[in-house]
Amino acid sequence: LSWLENNAIQYVGGGLNRAEARKARIVEKQGIRIGFLSYNCTG
């Protein structure tokens, strides 16, 4: 996570705790808001 943050790459579906891991992310491009959610279904 530290490397991704230091290199300005957003991440979704993972984090230091439950709230961070489940947080939705939005990438905005040309005024379009693209939302991302991500889940592991495999254990």
All heavy atoms as atom14 arrays in JSON, in Angstrom:
{
  "sequence": "LSWLENNAIQYVGGGLNRAEARKARIVEKQGIRIGFLSYNCTG",
  "atom14_mask": [
    [1, 1, 1, 1, 1, 1, 1, 1, 0, 0, 0, 0, 0, 0],
    [1, 1, 1, 1, 1, 1, 0, 0, 0, 0, 0, 0, 0, 0],
    [1, 1, 1, 1, 1, 1, 1, 1, 1, 1, 1, 1, 1, 1],
    [1, 1, 1, 1, 1, 1, 1, 1, 0, 0, 0, 0, 0, 0],
    [1, 1, 1, 1, 1, 1, 1, 1, 1, 0, 0, 0, 0, 0],
    [1, 1, 1, 1, 1, 1, 1, 1, 0, 0, 0, 0, 0, 0],
    [1, 1, 1, 1, 1, 1, 1, 1, 0, 0, 0, 0, 0, 0],
    [1, 1, 1, 1, 1, 0, 0, 0, 0, 0, 0, 0, 0, 0],
    [1, 1, 1, 1, 1, 1, 1, 1, 0, 0, 0, 0, 0, 0],
    [1, 1, 1, 1, 1, 1, 1, 1, 1, 0, 0, 0, 0, 0],
    [1, 1, 1, 1, 1, 1, 1, 1, 1, 1, 1, 1, 0, 0],
    [1, 1, 1, 1, 1, 1, 1, 0, 0, 0, 0, 0, 0, 0],
    [1, 1, 1, 1, 0, 0, 0, 0, 0, 0, 0, 0, 0, 0],
    [1, 1, 1, 1, 0, 0, 0, 0, 0, 0, 0, 0, 0, 0],
    [1, 1, 1, 1, 0, 0, 0, 0, 0, 0, 0, 0, 0, 0],
    [1, 1, 1, 1, 1, 1, 1, 1, 0, 0, 0, 0, 0, 0],
    [1, 1, 1, 1, 1, 1, 1, 1, 0, 0, 0, 0, 0, 0],
    [1, 1, 1, 1, 1, 1, 1, 1, 1, 1, 1, 0, 0, 0],
    [1, 1, 1, 1, 1, 0, 0, 0, 0, 0, 0, 0, 0, 0],
    [1, 1, 1, 1, 1, 1, 1, 1, 1, 0, 0, 0, 0, 0],
    [1, 1, 1, 1, 1, 0, 0, 0, 0, 0, 0, 0, 0, 0],
    [1, 1, 1, 1, 1, 1, 1, 1, 1, 1, 1, 0, 0, 0],
    [1, 1, 1, 1, 1, 1, 1, 1, 1, 0, 0, 0, 0, 0],
    [1, 1, 1, 1, 1, 0, 0, 0, 0, 0, 0, 0, 0, 0],
    [1, 1, 1, 1, 1, 1, 1, 1, 1, 1, 1, 0, 0, 0],
    [1, 1, 1, 1, 1, 1, 1, 1, 0, 0, 0, 0, 0, 0],
    [1, 1, 1, 1, 1, 1, 1, 0, 0, 0, 0, 0, 0, 0],
    [1, 1, 1, 1, 1, 1, 1, 1, 1, 0, 0, 0, 0, 0],
    [1, 1, 1, 1, 1, 1, 1, 1, 1, 0, 0, 0, 0, 0],
    [1, 1, 1, 1, 1, 1, 1, 1, 1, 0, 0, 0, 0, 0],
    [1, 1, 1, 1, 0, 0, 0, 0, 0, 0, 0, 0, 0, 0],
    [1, 1, 1, 1, 1, 1, 1, 1, 0, 0, 0, 0, 0, 0],
    [1, 1, 1, 1, 1, 1, 1, 1, 1, 1, 1, 0, 0, 0],
    [1, 1, 1, 1, 1, 1, 1, 1, 0, 0, 0, 0, 0, 0],
    [1, 1, 1, 1, 0, 0, 0, 0, 0, 0, 0, 0, 0, 0],
    [1, 1, 1, 1, 1, 1, 1, 1, 1, 1, 1, 0, 0, 0],
    [1, 1, 1, 1, 1, 1, 1, 1, 0, 0, 0, 0, 0, 0],
    [1, 1, 1, 1, 1, 1, 0, 0, 0, 0, 0, 0, 0, 0],
    [1, 1, 1, 1, 1, 1, 1, 1, 1, 1, 1, 1, 0, 0],
    [1, 1, 1, 1, 1, 1, 1, 1, 0, 0, 0, 0, 0, 0],
    [1, 1, 1, 1, 1, 1, 0, 0, 0, 0, 0, 0, 0, 0],
    [1, 1, 1, 1, 1, 1, 1, 0, 0, 0, 0, 0, 0, 0],
    [1, 1, 1, 1, 0, 0, 0, 0, 0, 0, 0, 0, 0, 0]
  ],
  "atom14_positions": [
    [[0.83, -1.21, 0.0], [0.0, 0.0, 0.0], [0.86, 1.26, 0.0], [0.55, 2.23, -0.7], [-0.92, 0.01, 1.21], [-1.94, -1.12, 1.35], [-2.85, -0.88, 2.54], [-2.75, -1.28, 0.09], [0.0, 0.0, 0.0], [0.0, 0.0, 0.0], [0.0, 0.0, 0.0], [0.0, 0.0, 0.0], [0.0, 0.0, 0.0], [0.0, 0.0, 0.0]],
    [[1.92, 1.24, 0.77], [2.81, 2.4, 0.84], [3.41, 2.72, -0.52], [3.46, 3.88, -0.94], [3.92, 2.14, 1.86], [4.82, 3.23, 1.91], [0.0, 0.0, 0.0], [0.0, 0.0, 0.0], [0.0, 0.0, 0.0], [0.0, 0.0, 0.0], [0.0, 0.0, 0.0], [0.0, 0.0, 0.0], [0.0, 0.0, 0.0], [0.0, 0.0, 0.0]],
    [[3.84, 1.67, -1.23], [4.43, 1.9, -2.56], [3.39, 2.47, -3.51], [3.67, 3.42, -4.26], [5.01, 0.61, -3.13], [5.76, 0.86, -4.41], [7.09, 1.14, -4.56], [5.18, 0.91, -5.73], [7.39, 1.35, -5.88], [6.24, 1.22, -6.63], [3.91, 0.71, -6.24], [6.05, 1.34, -8.0], [3.71, 0.86, -7.61], [4.76, 1.16, -8.48]],
    [[2.19, 1.93, -3.51], [1.14, 2.42, -4.4], [0.8, 3.88, -4.1], [0.67, 4.7, -5.01], [-0.11, 1.55, -4.26], [0.01, 0.11, -4.78], [-1.21, -0.71, -4.35], [0.16, 0.08, -6.3], [0.0, 0.0, 0.0], [0.0, 0.0, 0.0], [0.0, 0.0, 0.0], [0.0, 0.0, 0.0], [0.0, 0.0, 0.0], [0.0, 0.0, 0.0]],
    [[0.68, 4.21, -2.82], [0.37, 5.58, -2.45], [1.48, 6.54, -2.85], [1.23, 7.63, -3.36], [0.11, 5.66, -0.94], [-1.18, 4.96, -0.52], [-1.27, 4.75, 0.98], [-0.29, 5.08, 1.69], [-2.33, 4.26, 1.44], [0.0, 0.0, 0.0], [0.0, 0.0, 0.0], [0.0, 0.0, 0.0], [0.0, 0.0, 0.0], [0.0, 0.0, 0.0]],
    [[2.73, 6.13, -2.63], [3.87, 6.99, -2.97], [4.01, 7.2, -4.47], [4.67, 8.15, -4.9], [5.17, 6.39, -2.42], [5.25, 6.46, -0.91], [4.56, 7.27, -0.28], [6.06, 5.62, -0.31], [0.0, 0.0, 0.0], [0.0, 0.0, 0.0], [0.0, 0.0, 0.0], [0.0, 0.0, 0.0], [0.0, 0.0, 0.0], [0.0, 0.0, 0.0]],
    [[3.41, 6.32, -5.25], [3.51, 6.43, -6.71], [2.18, 6.8, -7.36], [2.01, 6.64, -8.56], [4.04, 5.13, -7.29], [5.52, 4.93, -6.98], [6.38, 5.47, -7.66], [5.8, 4.16, -5.93], [0.0, 0.0, 0.0], [0.0, 0.0, 0.0], [0.0, 0.0, 0.0], [0.0, 0.0, 0.0], [0.0, 0.0, 0.0], [0.0, 0.0, 0.0]],
    [[1.27, 7.32, -6.55], [0.01, 7.91, -7.03], [-0.84, 6.93, -7.82], [-1.49, 7.29, -8.8], [0.3, 9.16, -7.87], [0.0, 0.0, 0.0], [0.0, 0.0, 0.0], [0.0, 0.0, 0.0], [0.0, 0.0, 0.0], [0.0, 0.0, 0.0], [0.0, 0.0, 0.0], [0.0, 0.0, 0.0], [0.0, 0.0, 0.0], [0.0, 0.0, 0.0]],
    [[-0.83, 5.66, -7.4], [-1.71, 4.65, -7.99], [-2.81, 4.33, -6.99], [-2.52, 3.95, -5.85], [-0.93, 3.37, -8.35], [0.16, 3.68, -9.38], [-1.88, 2.3, -8.89], [1.06, 2.5, -9.67], [0.0, 0.0, 0.0], [0.0, 0.0, 0.0], [0.0, 0.0, 0.0], [0.0, 0.0, 0.0], [0.0, 0.0, 0.0], [0.0, 0.0, 0.0]],
    [[-4.04, 4.53, -7.38], [-5.15, 4.2, -6.49], [-5.28, 2.68, -6.37], [-4.87, 1.92, -7.25], [-6.46, 4.77, -7.02], [-6.57, 6.28, -6.94], [-8.03, 6.73, -6.95], [-8.79, 6.43, -6.03], [-8.41, 7.47, -7.98], [0.0, 0.0, 0.0], [0.0, 0.0, 0.0], [0.0, 0.0, 0.0], [0.0, 0.0, 0.0], [0.0, 0.0, 0.0]],
    [[-5.86, 2.24, -5.26], [-6.12, 0.82, -5.08], [-7.51, 0.64, -4.49], [-8.04, 1.51, -3.8], [-5.06, 0.15, -4.19], [-4.86, 0.8, -2.84], [-5.66, 0.46, -1.75], [-3.86, 1.76, -2.65], [-5.47, 1.05, -0.51], [-3.66, 2.37, -1.42], [-4.46, 2.0, -0.35], [-4.27, 2.59, 0.88], [0.0, 0.0, 0.0], [0.0, 0.0, 0.0]],
    [[-8.09, -0.52, -4.76], [-9.44, -0.83, -4.31], [-9.48, -2.29, -3.9], [-8.75, -3.13, -4.43], [-10.46, -0.52, -5.43], [-10.25, -1.43, -6.64], [-11.9, -0.63, -4.92], [0.0, 0.0, 0.0], [0.0, 0.0, 0.0], [0.0, 0.0, 0.0], [0.0, 0.0, 0.0], [0.0, 0.0, 0.0], [0.0, 0.0, 0.0], [0.0, 0.0, 0.0]],
    [[-10.32, -2.62, -2.92], [-10.48, -4.01, -2.52], [-9.49, -4.49, -1.49], [-9.53, -5.66, -1.09], [0.0, 0.0, 0.0], [0.0, 0.0, 0.0], [0.0, 0.0, 0.0], [0.0, 0.0, 0.0], [0.0, 0.0, 0.0], [0.0, 0.0, 0.0], [0.0, 0.0, 0.0], [0.0, 0.0, 0.0], [0.0, 0.0, 0.0], [0.0, 0.0, 0.0]],
    [[-8.6, -3.64, -1.02], [-7.63, -4.01, -0.01], [-7.28, -2.81, 0.85], [-7.44, -1.66, 0.42], [0.0, 0.0, 0.0], [0.0, 0.0, 0.0], [0.0, 0.0, 0.0], [0.0, 0.0, 0.0], [0.0, 0.0, 0.0], [0.0, 0.0, 0.0], [0.0, 0.0, 0.0], [0.0, 0.0, 0.0], [0.0, 0.0, 0.0], [0.0, 0.0, 0.0]],
    [[-6.8, -3.08, 2.06], [-6.45, -1.97, 2.93], [-5.94, -2.44, 4.28], [-5.82, -3.64, 4.54], [0.0, 0.0, 0.0], [0.0, 0.0, 0.0], [0.0, 0.0, 0.0], [0.0, 0.0, 0.0], [0.0, 0.0, 0.0], [0.0, 0.0, 0.0], [0.0, 0.0, 0.0], [0.0, 0.0, 0.0], [0.0, 0.0, 0.0], [0.0, 0.0, 0.0]],
    [[-5.62, -1.48, 5.13], [-5.07, -1.79, 6.45], [-6.13, -2.25, 7.44], [-5.79, -2.75, 8.51], [-4.35, -0.55, 7.0], [-3.13, -0.08, 6.2], [-2.54, 1.17, 6.84], [-2.09, -1.18, 6.1], [0.0, 0.0, 0.0], [0.0, 0.0, 0.0], [0.0, 0.0, 0.0], [0.0, 0.0, 0.0], [0.0, 0.0, 0.0], [0.0, 0.0, 0.0]],
    [[-7.4, -2.07, 7.07], [-8.5, -2.54, 7.91], [-9.73, -2.72, 7.04], [-9.7, -2.42, 5.83], [-8.76, -1.56, 9.06], [-8.95, -0.15, 8.56], [-9.8, 0.11, 7.71], [-8.14, 0.78, 9.06], [0.0, 0.0, 0.0], [0.0, 0.0, 0.0], [0.0, 0.0, 0.0], [0.0, 0.0, 0.0], [0.0, 0.0, 0.0], [0.0, 0.0, 0.0]],
    [[-10.81, -3.19, 7.63], [-12.02, -3.5, 6.87], [-12.57, -2.28, 6.15], [-12.94, -2.35, 4.97], [-13.08, -4.08, 7.8], [-14.37, -4.43, 7.08], [-15.46, -4.92, 8.04], [-15.2, -6.27, 8.51], [-14.89, -6.59, 9.75], [-14.77, -5.63, 10.67], [-14.69, -7.84, 10.11], [0.0, 0.0, 0.0], [0.0, 0.0, 0.0], [0.0, 0.0, 0.0]],
    [[-12.65, -1.15, 6.85], [-13.24, 0.05, 6.25], [-12.45, 0.49, 5.03], [-13.03, 0.87, 4.0], [-13.29, 1.17, 7.29], [0.0, 0.0, 0.0], [0.0, 0.0, 0.0], [0.0, 0.0, 0.0], [0.0, 0.0, 0.0], [0.0, 0.0, 0.0], [0.0, 0.0, 0.0], [0.0, 0.0, 0.0], [0.0, 0.0, 0.0], [0.0, 0.0, 0.0]],
    [[-11.13, 0.45, 5.12], [-10.3, 0.87, 3.99], [-10.41, -0.12, 2.84], [-10.47, 0.27, 1.67], [-8.85, 1.01, 4.44], [-7.93, 1.59, 3.37], [-6.53, 1.82, 3.89], [-6.39, 2.65, 4.82], [-5.59, 1.18, 3.39], [0.0, 0.0, 0.0], [0.0, 0.0, 0.0], [0.0, 0.0, 0.0], [0.0, 0.0, 0.0], [0.0, 0.0, 0.0]],
    [[-10.45, -1.42, 3.15], [-10.52, -2.43, 2.11], [-11.83, -2.36, 1.34], [-11.87, -2.67, 0.14], [-10.34, -3.82, 2.72], [0.0, 0.0, 0.0], [0.0, 0.0, 0.0], [0.0, 0.0, 0.0], [0.0, 0.0, 0.0], [0.0, 0.0, 0.0], [0.0, 0.0, 0.0], [0.0, 0.0, 0.0], [0.0, 0.0, 0.0], [0.0, 0.0, 0.0]],
    [[-12.9, -1.96, 1.99], [-14.22, -1.94, 1.34], [-14.55, -0.57, 0.74], [-15.65, -0.39, 0.18], [-15.3, -2.36, 2.34], [-15.09, -3.73, 2.94], [-16.29, -4.21, 3.71], [-17.36, -4.61, 2.79], [-17.55, -5.86, 2.36], [-16.73, -6.82, 2.74], [-18.55, -6.13, 1.54], [0.0, 0.0, 0.0], [0.0, 0.0, 0.0], [0.0, 0.0, 0.0]],
    [[-13.65, 0.36, 0.83], [-13.91, 1.71, 0.34], [-13.95, 1.75, -1.18], [-13.06, 1.23, -1.86], [-12.84, 2.66, 0.85], [-13.06, 4.12, 0.45], [-11.98, 5.01, 1.03], [-12.19, 6.46, 0.62], [-11.12, 7.35, 1.18], [0.0, 0.0, 0.0], [0.0, 0.0, 0.0], [0.0, 0.0, 0.0], [0.0, 0.0, 0.0], [0.0, 0.0, 0.0]],
    [[-14.98, 2.35, -1.73], [-15.06, 2.55, -3.17], [-14.05, 3.6, -3.6], [-13.7, 4.51, -2.84], [-16.47, 2.98, -3.56], [0.0, 0.0, 0.0], [0.0, 0.0, 0.0], [0.0, 0.0, 0.0], [0.0, 0.0, 0.0], [0.0, 0.0, 0.0], [0.0, 0.0, 0.0], [0.0, 0.0, 0.0], [0.0, 0.0, 0.0], [0.0, 0.0, 0.0]],
    [[-13.58, 3.48, -4.83], [-12.64, 4.45, -5.39], [-13.23, 5.04, -6.67], [-13.96, 4.35, -7.4], [-11.3, 3.81, -5.71], [-10.67, 3.1, -4.52], [-10.16, 4.06, -3.46], [-9.58, 3.34, -2.33], [-8.95, 3.91, -1.3], [-8.84, 5.24, -1.27], [-8.47, 3.19, -0.33], [0.0, 0.0, 0.0], [0.0, 0.0, 0.0], [0.0, 0.0, 0.0]],
    [[-12.91, 6.28, -6.95], [-13.39, 6.95, -8.16], [-12.2, 7.53, -8.91], [-11.36, 8.24, -8.34], [-14.41, 8.05, -7.82], [-15.68, 7.43, -7.25], [-14.72, 8.88, -9.07], [-16.74, 8.42, -6.85], [0.0, 0.0, 0.0], [0.0, 0.0, 0.0], [0.0, 0.0, 0.0], [0.0, 0.0, 0.0], [0.0, 0.0, 0.0], [0.0, 0.0, 0.0]],
    [[-12.1, 7.18, -10.18], [-11.13, 7.77, -11.09], [-11.89, 8.72, -12.01], [-12.85, 8.31, -12.66], [-10.4, 6.68, -11.92], [-9.49, 7.33, -12.96], [-9.61, 5.75, -11.02], [0.0, 0.0, 0.0], [0.0, 0.0, 0.0], [0.0, 0.0, 0.0], [0.0, 0.0, 0.0], [0.0, 0.0, 0.0], [0.0, 0.0, 0.0], [0.0, 0.0, 0.0]],
    [[-11.48, 9.98, -12.03], [-12.16, 10.96, -12.88], [-11.32, 11.26, -14.1], [-10.12, 11.54, -14.01], [-12.45, 12.24, -12.1], [-13.3, 13.23, -12.88], [-13.9, 14.33, -12.02], [-14.07, 14.11, -10.81], [-14.19, 15.4, -12.58], [0.0, 0.0, 0.0], [0.0, 0.0, 0.0], [0.0, 0.0, 0.0], [0.0, 0.0, 0.0], [0.0, 0.0, 0.0]],
    [[-11.93, 11.19, -15.27], [-11.24, 11.45, -16.53], [-12.19, 12.21, -17.45], [-13.31, 11.76, -17.71], [-10.82, 10.13, -17.17], [-9.85, 10.27, -18.31], [-8.46, 10.71, -17.86], [-7.76, 9.68, -17.02], [-6.34, 9.99, -16.77], [0.0, 0.0, 0.0], [0.0, 0.0, 0.0], [0.0, 0.0, 0.0], [0.0, 0.0, 0.0], [0.0, 0.0, 0.0]],
    [[-11.76, 13.38, -17.89], [-12.56, 14.24, -18.76], [-13.95, 14.5, -18.18], [-14.96, 14.52, -18.89], [-12.67, 13.62, -20.17], [-11.33, 13.5, -20.88], [-11.47, 12.96, -22.29], [-12.5, 13.16, -22.95], [-10.45, 12.28, -22.78], [0.0, 0.0, 0.0], [0.0, 0.0, 0.0], [0.0, 0.0, 0.0], [0.0, 0.0, 0.0], [0.0, 0.0, 0.0]],
    [[-13.98, 14.67, -16.87], [-15.23, 14.98, -16.19], [-16.12, 13.79, -15.95], [-17.2, 13.93, -15.38], [0.0, 0.0, 0.0], [0.0, 0.0, 0.0], [0.0, 0.0, 0.0], [0.0, 0.0, 0.0], [0.0, 0.0, 0.0], [0.0, 0.0, 0.0], [0.0, 0.0, 0.0], [0.0, 0.0, 0.0], [0.0, 0.0, 0.0], [0.0, 0.0, 0.0]],
    [[-15.69, 12.59, -16.37], [-16.47, 11.38, -16.16], [-15.98, 10.69, -14.89], [-14.78, 10.43, -14.74], [-16.34, 10.42, -17.36], [-16.8, 11.11, -18.64], [-17.16, 9.15, -17.12], [-16.51, 10.32, -19.9], [0.0, 0.0, 0.0], [0.0, 0.0, 0.0], [0.0, 0.0, 0.0], [0.0, 0.0, 0.0], [0.0, 0.0, 0.0], [0.0, 0.0, 0.0]],
    [[-16.87, 10.4, -13.99], [-16.53, 9.73, -12.73], [-16.72, 8.22, -12.88], [-17.85, 7.75, -13.03], [-17.39, 10.27, -11.59], [-17.22, 11.78, -11.32], [-18.32, 12.29, -10.41], [-19.63, 12.07, -11.04], [-20.78, 12.12, -10.38], [-20.79, 12.37, -9.07], [-21.93, 11.92, -11.0], [0.0, 0.0, 0.0], [0.0, 0.0, 0.0], [0.0, 0.0, 0.0]],
    [[-15.6, 7.49, -12.82], [-15.62, 6.04, -13.0], [-15.4, 5.41, -11.63], [-14.34, 5.55, -11.02], [-14.53, 5.58, -13.98], [-14.65, 6.36, -15.3], [-14.62, 4.08, -14.22], [-13.46, 6.16, -16.22], [0.0, 0.0, 0.0], [0.0, 0.0, 0.0], [0.0, 0.0, 0.0], [0.0, 0.0, 0.0], [0.0, 0.0, 0.0], [0.0, 0.0, 0.0]],
    [[-16.43, 4.73, -11.12], [-16.35, 4.14, -9.79], [-15.88, 2.7, -9.84], [-16.19, 1.96, -10.79], [0.0, 0.0, 0.0], [0.0, 0.0, 0.0], [0.0, 0.0, 0.0], [0.0, 0.0, 0.0], [0.0, 0.0, 0.0], [0.0, 0.0, 0.0], [0.0, 0.0, 0.0], [0.0, 0.0, 0.0], [0.0, 0.0, 0.0], [0.0, 0.0, 0.0]],
    [[-15.14, 2.29, -8.81], [-14.61, 0.93, -8.72], [-14.91, 0.33, -7.35], [-14.71, 0.98, -6.32], [-13.09, 0.92, -8.91], [-12.63, 1.25, -10.31], [-12.45, 2.58, -10.7], [-12.35, 0.25, -11.22], [-12.02, 2.9, -11.98], [-11.92, 0.55, -12.5], [-11.76, 1.88, -12.88], [0.0, 0.0, 0.0], [0.0, 0.0, 0.0], [0.0, 0.0, 0.0]],
    [[-15.37, -0.91, -7.36], [-15.46, -1.75, -6.18], [-14.82, -3.09, -6.5], [-14.77, -3.5, -7.66], [-16.91, -1.96, -5.76], [-17.62, -0.8, -5.07], [-19.12, -1.06, -5.01], [-17.06, -0.58, -3.67], [0.0, 0.0, 0.0], [0.0, 0.0, 0.0], [0.0, 0.0, 0.0], [0.0, 0.0, 0.0], [0.0, 0.0, 0.0], [0.0, 0.0, 0.0]],
    [[-14.32, -3.78, -5.46], [-13.61, -5.03, -5.71], [-13.74, -5.97, -4.52], [-13.64, -5.53, -3.36], [-12.13, -4.74, -5.99], [-11.44, -5.91, -6.31], [0.0, 0.0, 0.0], [0.0, 0.0, 0.0], [0.0, 0.0, 0.0], [0.0, 0.0, 0.0], [0.0, 0.0, 0.0], [0.0, 0.0, 0.0], [0.0, 0.0, 0.0], [0.0, 0.0, 0.0]],
    [[-13.93, -7.28, -4.8], [-14.14, -8.26, -3.74], [-13.46, -9.58, -4.11], [-13.48, -10.01, -5.27], [-15.63, -8.53, -3.53], [-16.43, -7.29, -3.23], [-17.01, -6.55, -4.26], [-16.6, -6.84, -1.92], [-17.73, -5.4, -3.99], [-17.33, -5.69, -1.64], [-17.88, -4.97, -2.69], [-18.6, -3.82, -2.42], [0.0, 0.0, 0.0], [0.0, 0.0, 0.0]],
    [[-12.92, -10.23, -3.1], [-12.38, -11.57, -3.23], [-13.48, -12.57, -2.87], [-14.09, -12.48, -1.8], [-11.19, -11.75, -2.29], [-10.67, -13.17, -2.26], [-10.7, -13.87, -3.27], [-10.17, -13.6, -1.11], [0.0, 0.0, 0.0], [0.0, 0.0, 0.0], [0.0, 0.0, 0.0], [0.0, 0.0, 0.0], [0.0, 0.0, 0.0], [0.0, 0.0, 0.0]],
    [[-13.73, -13.54, -3.75], [-14.77, -14.55, -3.51], [-14.16, -15.93, -3.28], [-14.9, -16.92, -3.24], [-15.71, -14.62, -4.71], [-16.42, -13.03, -5.18], [0.0, 0.0, 0.0], [0.0, 0.0, 0.0], [0.0, 0.0, 0.0], [0.0, 0.0, 0.0], [0.0, 0.0, 0.0], [0.0, 0.0, 0.0], [0.0, 0.0, 0.0], [0.0, 0.0, 0.0]],
    [[-12.85, -16.02, -3.13], [-12.18, -17.33, -3.13], [-11.63, -17.73, -1.77], [-11.12, -18.85, -1.63], [-11.04, -17.35, -4.15], [-10.01, -16.45, -3.72], [-11.53, -16.94, -5.53], [0.0, 0.0, 0.0], [0.0, 0.0, 0.0], [0.0, 0.0, 0.0], [0.0, 0.0, 0.0], [0.0, 0.0, 0.0], [0.0, 0.0, 0.0], [0.0, 0.0, 0.0]],
    [[-11.69, -16.85, -0.76], [-11.06, -17.17, 0.52], [-9.55, -17.17, 0.36], [-9.03, -16.66, -0.62], [0.0, 0.0, 0.0], [0.0, 0.0, 0.0], [0.0, 0.0, 0.0], [0.0, 0.0, 0.0], [0.0, 0.0, 0.0], [0.0, 0.0, 0.0], [0.0, 0.0, 0.0], [0.0, 0.0, 0.0], [0.0, 0.0, 0.0], [0.0, 0.0, 0.0]]
  ]
}
